[in-house]
Each structure stands twice: as structure tokens, then as C-alpha cells.
C-alpha atoms as a PDB file:
ATOM      1  CA  MET A   1      10.665  21.965  -4.652  1.00  0.00           C
ATOM      2  CA  HIS A   2      11.829  21.041  -1.189  1.00  0.00           C
ATOM      3  CA  LEU A   3       9.665  19.056   1.174  1.00  0.00           C
ATOM      4  CA  SER A   4      10.173  19.081   4.878  1.00  0.00           C
ATOM      5  CA  LYS A   5      10.678  15.731   6.581  1.00  0.00           C
ATOM      6  CA  GLN A   6       7.161  15.818   8.047  1.00  0.00           C
ATOM      7  CA  SER A   7       5.577  16.687   4.691  1.00  0.00           C
ATOM      8  CA  PHE A   8       7.487  13.893   2.976  1.00  0.00           C
ATOM      9  CA  LEU A   9       6.475  11.332   5.611  1.00  0.00           C
ATOM     10  CA  THR A  10       2.839  12.443   5.436  1.00  0.00           C
ATOM     11  CA  LEU A  11       2.833  12.176   1.649  1.00  0.00           C
ATOM     12  CA  THR A  12       4.419   8.727   1.657  1.00  0.00           C
ATOM     13  CA  GLY A  13       2.010   7.632   4.395  1.00  0.00           C
ATOM     14  CA  PHE A  14      -0.971   8.579   2.228  1.00  0.00           C
ATOM     15  CA  ILE A  15       0.505   6.912  -0.854  1.00  0.00           C
ATOM     16  CA  PHE A  16       1.178   3.705   1.080  1.00  0.00           C
ATOM     17  CA  ALA A  17      -2.346   3.860   2.560  1.00  0.00           C
ATOM     18  CA  LEU A  18      -3.849   4.150  -0.925  1.00  0.00           C
ATOM     19  CA  ILE A  19      -1.810   1.217  -2.226  1.00  0.00           C
ATOM     20  CA  SER A  20      -2.731  -0.921   0.790  1.00  0.00           C
ATOM     21  CA  LEU A  21      -6.409  -0.059   0.285  1.00  0.00           C
ATOM     22  CA  LEU A  22      -6.176  -1.216  -3.335  1.00  0.00           C
ATOM     23  CA  HIS A  23      -4.609  -4.505  -2.210  1.00  0.00           C
ATOM     24  CA  LEU A  24      -7.382  -4.974   0.343  1.00  0.00           C
ATOM     25  CA  ILE A  25     -10.114  -4.265  -2.224  1.00  0.00           C
ATOM     26  CA  ARG A  26      -8.589  -6.790  -4.602  1.00  0.00           C
ATOM     27  CA  ALA A  27      -8.306  -9.419  -1.867  1.00  0.00           C
ATOM     28  CA  VAL A  28     -11.864  -8.940  -0.582  1.00  0.00           C
ATOM     29  CA  MET A  29     -13.502  -8.768  -4.006  1.00  0.00           C
ATOM     30  CA  GLY A  30     -11.312 -11.488  -5.524  1.00  0.00           C
ATOM     31  CA  LEU A  31     -10.454  -9.396  -8.571  1.00  0.00           C
ATOM     32  CA  PRO A  32      -8.249 -11.196 -11.087  1.00  0.00           C
ATOM     33  CA  VAL A  33      -4.876  -9.726 -12.039  1.00  0.00           C
ATOM     34  CA  MET A  34      -2.862 -10.918 -15.004  1.00  0.00           C
ATOM     35  CA  LEU A  35       0.783  -9.932 -15.415  1.00  0.00           C
ATOM     36  CA  ALA A  36       2.667 -11.041 -18.522  1.00  0.00           C
ATOM     37  CA  GLY A  37       0.168 -13.860 -19.030  1.00  0.00           C
ATOM     38  CA  PHE A  38       0.378 -15.151 -15.458  1.00  0.00           C
ATOM     39  CA  SER A  39      -2.457 -14.979 -12.950  1.00  0.00           C
ATOM     40  CA  ILE A  40      -1.373 -13.351  -9.674  1.00  0.00           C
ATOM     41  CA  PRO A  41      -2.893 -15.226  -6.694  1.00  0.00           C
ATOM     42  CA  ILE A  42      -5.022 -13.408  -4.108  1.00  0.00           C
ATOM     43  CA  TRP A  43      -2.606 -14.248  -1.280  1.00  0.00           C
ATOM     44  CA  VAL A  44      -0.056 -11.919  -2.903  1.00  0.00           C
ATOM     45  CA  SER A  45      -2.460  -9.020  -2.322  1.00  0.00           C
ATOM     46  CA  VAL A  46      -3.054 -10.113   1.275  1.00  0.00           C
ATOM     47  CA  ILE A  47       0.687 -10.035   1.956  1.00  0.00           C
ATOM     48  CA  GLY A  48       0.969  -6.774   0.010  1.00  0.00           C
ATOM     49  CA  PHE A  49      -1.793  -5.243   2.118  1.00  0.00           C
ATOM     50  CA  VAL A  50      -0.093  -6.174   5.392  1.00  0.00           C
ATOM     51  CA  VAL A  51       3.350  -4.963   4.308  1.00  0.00           C
ATOM     52  CA  VAL A  52       2.221  -1.682   2.773  1.00  0.00           C
ATOM     53  CA  ALA A  53      -0.227  -0.934   5.620  1.00  0.00           C
ATOM     54  CA  PHE A  54       2.694  -1.403   8.029  1.00  0.00           C
ATOM     55  CA  LEU A  55       4.789   1.054   6.006  1.00  0.00           C
ATOM     56  CA  SER A  56       1.921   3.561   6.023  1.00  0.00           C
ATOM     57  CA  TYR A  57       1.457   3.185   9.774  1.00  0.00           C
ATOM     58  CA  ASN A  58       5.152   3.748  10.396  1.00  0.00           C
ATOM     59  CA  SER A  59       5.239   6.801   8.138  1.00  0.00           C
ATOM     60  CA  PHE A  60       2.393   8.415  10.077  1.00  0.00           C
ATOM     61  CA  LYS A  61       3.937   7.328  13.388  1.00  0.00           C
ATOM     62  CA  LEU A  62       7.177   9.140  12.531  1.00  0.00           C
ATOM     63  CA  VAL A  63       5.263  12.345  11.802  1.00  0.00           C
ATOM     64  CA  ALA A  64       3.709  12.453  15.258  1.00  0.00           C
END
């Protein structure tokens, strides 16, 4: 299966948007996350939201 450049960028843009939305939901609702017995602080999701939202924005910007 071969994807065109625009299809690939659109797909990655949607995937990044979904991941950033999940980070935002976690940050707003204060949902706890445990990884290997360690509690992941909320600020990690805030940074994750900003970074991944930026990647999503740039993916969609390259399509246009």
C-alpha cells in the first residue's frame, strides 16, 4: 500500500491531534497515570499536549 505525501501528512496530522487531545483531557481532568510503579506528573501531559499539537498543526500546514 502506497500513500501519497498528502495522504500520509493528513493521517499523521489526525493521529497527532488524537494524541494531543488525550494529553489535554488528562491534564484538565487530572487523571492519574502510573508507569512501572511511578506516578507521571500532570505537567508531563501539558508539555506533551503542546509538543504533539504543534506536530499536528505542522502536518496539516504542509498539506495545504
